Amino acid sequence: MSFDIPDDRRYLASHEWALETADGVRVGITDFAQDELGDVVFVELPDEGETVTHEAEFGVIESIKAVSDLYAPVSGEILAVNEALFDAPELVNDDPFGEGWMLEIEPGDDLESELEALLSAAEYDEQIA
């Protein structure tokens, strides 16, 4: 099976992605991760204003098959949480790189080195192959 792995983001080995935007860094889980989880039924995310730390747990995603921790690809303050996921967690399955995003983070000073530590699309593709 072939999975969508956009080249415009960086990836954690634990299947989260980070995309630099004009507002900060958008975070979600990969197409591979949502496929492995199956139907997502619940997402627990931190509140706006909280801080997250590179590679530290920030939330939980629950599917009919499993409960998994979510890890932050970058450190910083949470600017926005995708509240649509609370009522429609299936957005993660339907569009993991778009409408199924989870957090917007105002990154800290270590952004460049944190992104550098993440996998490229090619490296992530190799990992899940």
Protein backbone atom coordinates (compact mmCIF):
# COMPACT_ATOMS: atom_id res chain seq x y z
CA MET A 1 0.00 0.00 0.00
CA SER A 2 1.21 3.47 -0.81
CA PHE A 3 0.78 6.35 1.63
CA ASP A 4 0.68 10.09 1.04
CA ILE A 5 3.88 11.69 2.43
CA PRO A 6 4.05 15.38 1.48
CA ASP A 7 7.56 16.74 0.84
CA ASP A 8 6.76 20.10 2.46
CA ARG A 9 6.92 18.80 6.05
CA ARG A 10 9.20 17.00 8.48
CA TYR A 11 8.29 13.83 10.38
CA LEU A 12 8.80 12.26 13.79
CA ALA A 13 9.54 8.53 13.86
CA SER A 14 6.34 8.27 15.98
CA HIS A 15 4.30 9.41 12.91
CA GLU A 16 3.58 13.09 13.65
CA TRP A 17 4.29 15.77 11.04
CA ALA A 18 5.36 19.43 11.28
CA LEU A 19 4.66 22.05 8.62
CA GLU A 20 6.06 25.57 8.82
CA THR A 21 3.34 28.13 8.04
CA ALA A 22 3.17 31.93 8.13
CA ASP A 23 1.67 31.66 11.63
CA GLY A 24 3.99 29.07 13.15
CA VAL A 25 4.18 25.28 12.89
CA ARG A 26 1.12 23.15 12.17
CA VAL A 27 1.15 19.61 13.61
CA GLY A 28 -0.81 16.44 12.87
CA ILE A 29 -0.37 12.71 12.30
CA THR A 30 0.54 10.98 9.07
CA ASP A 31 -1.58 9.08 6.58
CA PHE A 32 0.25 5.90 7.64
CA ALA A 33 -0.57 6.54 11.33
CA GLN A 34 -4.27 7.12 10.73
CA ASP A 35 -4.39 3.97 8.58
CA GLU A 36 -2.70 1.91 11.31
CA LEU A 37 -5.06 3.28 13.97
CA GLY A 38 -8.23 2.64 12.02
CA ASP A 39 -11.36 4.70 12.72
CA VAL A 40 -10.42 7.57 15.08
CA VAL A 41 -13.13 8.10 17.70
CA PHE A 42 -11.51 10.54 20.16
CA VAL A 43 -8.68 13.07 20.28
CA GLU A 44 -7.37 14.67 23.49
CA LEU A 45 -5.35 17.83 22.87
CA PRO A 46 -3.79 20.47 25.14
CA ASP A 47 -5.28 23.95 25.52
CA GLU A 48 -4.23 27.09 23.69
CA GLY A 49 -1.51 28.88 25.64
CA GLU A 50 0.05 25.69 26.99
CA THR A 51 3.56 24.82 25.93
CA VAL A 52 4.81 21.64 24.32
CA THR A 53 8.32 20.24 24.19
CA HIS A 54 10.14 18.67 21.23
CA GLU A 55 9.48 14.89 21.22
CA ALA A 56 7.43 15.04 24.45
CA GLU A 57 3.86 13.76 24.73
CA PHE A 58 1.16 16.38 24.08
CA GLY A 59 -2.04 14.38 23.79
CA VAL A 60 -3.83 11.14 23.05
CA ILE A 61 -5.61 9.73 20.01
CA GLU A 62 -8.07 6.88 20.36
CA SER A 63 -9.43 4.60 17.66
CA ILE A 64 -11.62 1.54 17.69
CA LYS A 65 -8.39 -0.52 17.72
CA ALA A 66 -5.94 1.36 19.94
CA VAL A 67 -5.06 4.32 22.15
CA SER A 68 -1.84 6.12 21.21
CA ASP A 69 0.13 9.01 22.66
CA LEU A 70 0.87 12.02 20.46
CA TYR A 71 4.33 13.62 20.45
CA ALA A 72 5.32 17.18 19.60
CA PRO A 73 7.70 17.54 16.64
CA VAL A 74 8.74 21.01 17.87
CA SER A 75 8.74 22.99 21.13
CA GLY A 76 6.70 26.11 21.70
CA GLU A 77 3.44 27.67 22.79
CA ILE A 78 0.15 26.41 21.41
CA LEU A 79 -1.48 29.14 19.32
CA ALA A 80 -4.47 27.09 18.15
CA VAL A 81 -6.09 23.71 18.62
CA ASN A 82 -8.24 22.16 15.90
CA GLU A 83 -11.48 22.13 17.87
CA ALA A 84 -13.32 20.55 14.91
CA LEU A 85 -11.68 17.27 15.95
CA PHE A 86 -13.62 17.20 19.23
CA ASP A 87 -16.91 16.82 17.36
CA ALA A 88 -15.52 15.10 14.25
CA PRO A 89 -12.39 13.08 15.14
CA GLU A 90 -12.81 11.19 11.85
CA LEU A 91 -11.30 14.24 10.11
CA VAL A 92 -7.95 12.71 11.09
CA ASN A 93 -8.80 9.67 8.94
CA ASP A 94 -10.38 11.64 6.11
CA ASP A 95 -7.68 14.31 5.70
CA PRO A 96 -4.66 13.82 8.02
CA PHE A 97 -2.56 16.49 6.25
CA GLY A 98 -5.36 19.04 5.88
CA GLU A 99 -8.60 19.35 7.87
CA GLY A 100 -7.34 16.74 10.35
CA TRP A 101 -4.48 18.92 11.67
CA MET A 102 -4.18 19.09 15.48
CA LEU A 103 -2.11 22.04 16.72
CA GLU A 104 -0.59 25.34 15.61
CA ILE A 105 2.57 26.07 17.60
CA GLU A 106 4.50 29.31 18.04
CA PRO A 107 7.95 27.74 17.90
CA GLY A 108 10.82 28.59 20.21
CA ASP A 109 14.38 29.58 19.37
CA ASP A 110 15.41 25.97 18.68
CA LEU A 111 13.06 25.53 15.72
CA GLU A 112 15.76 25.08 13.11
CA SER A 113 17.64 22.39 15.05
CA GLU A 114 14.39 20.65 16.06
CA LEU A 115 13.20 20.49 12.44
CA GLU A 116 16.66 19.30 11.39
CA ALA A 117 16.34 16.40 13.86
CA LEU A 118 13.10 15.24 12.21
CA LEU A 119 12.85 12.89 9.24
CA SER A 120 12.49 14.14 5.67
CA ALA A 121 9.62 12.73 3.59
CA ALA A 122 12.04 10.27 1.94
CA GLU A 123 13.46 9.15 5.30
CA TYR A 124 9.96 8.72 6.74
CA ASP A 125 8.87 6.74 3.67
CA GLU A 126 11.89 4.46 4.17
CA GLN A 127 10.97 3.97 7.85
CA ILE A 128 7.41 2.84 7.14
CA ALA A 129 8.31 0.70 4.09
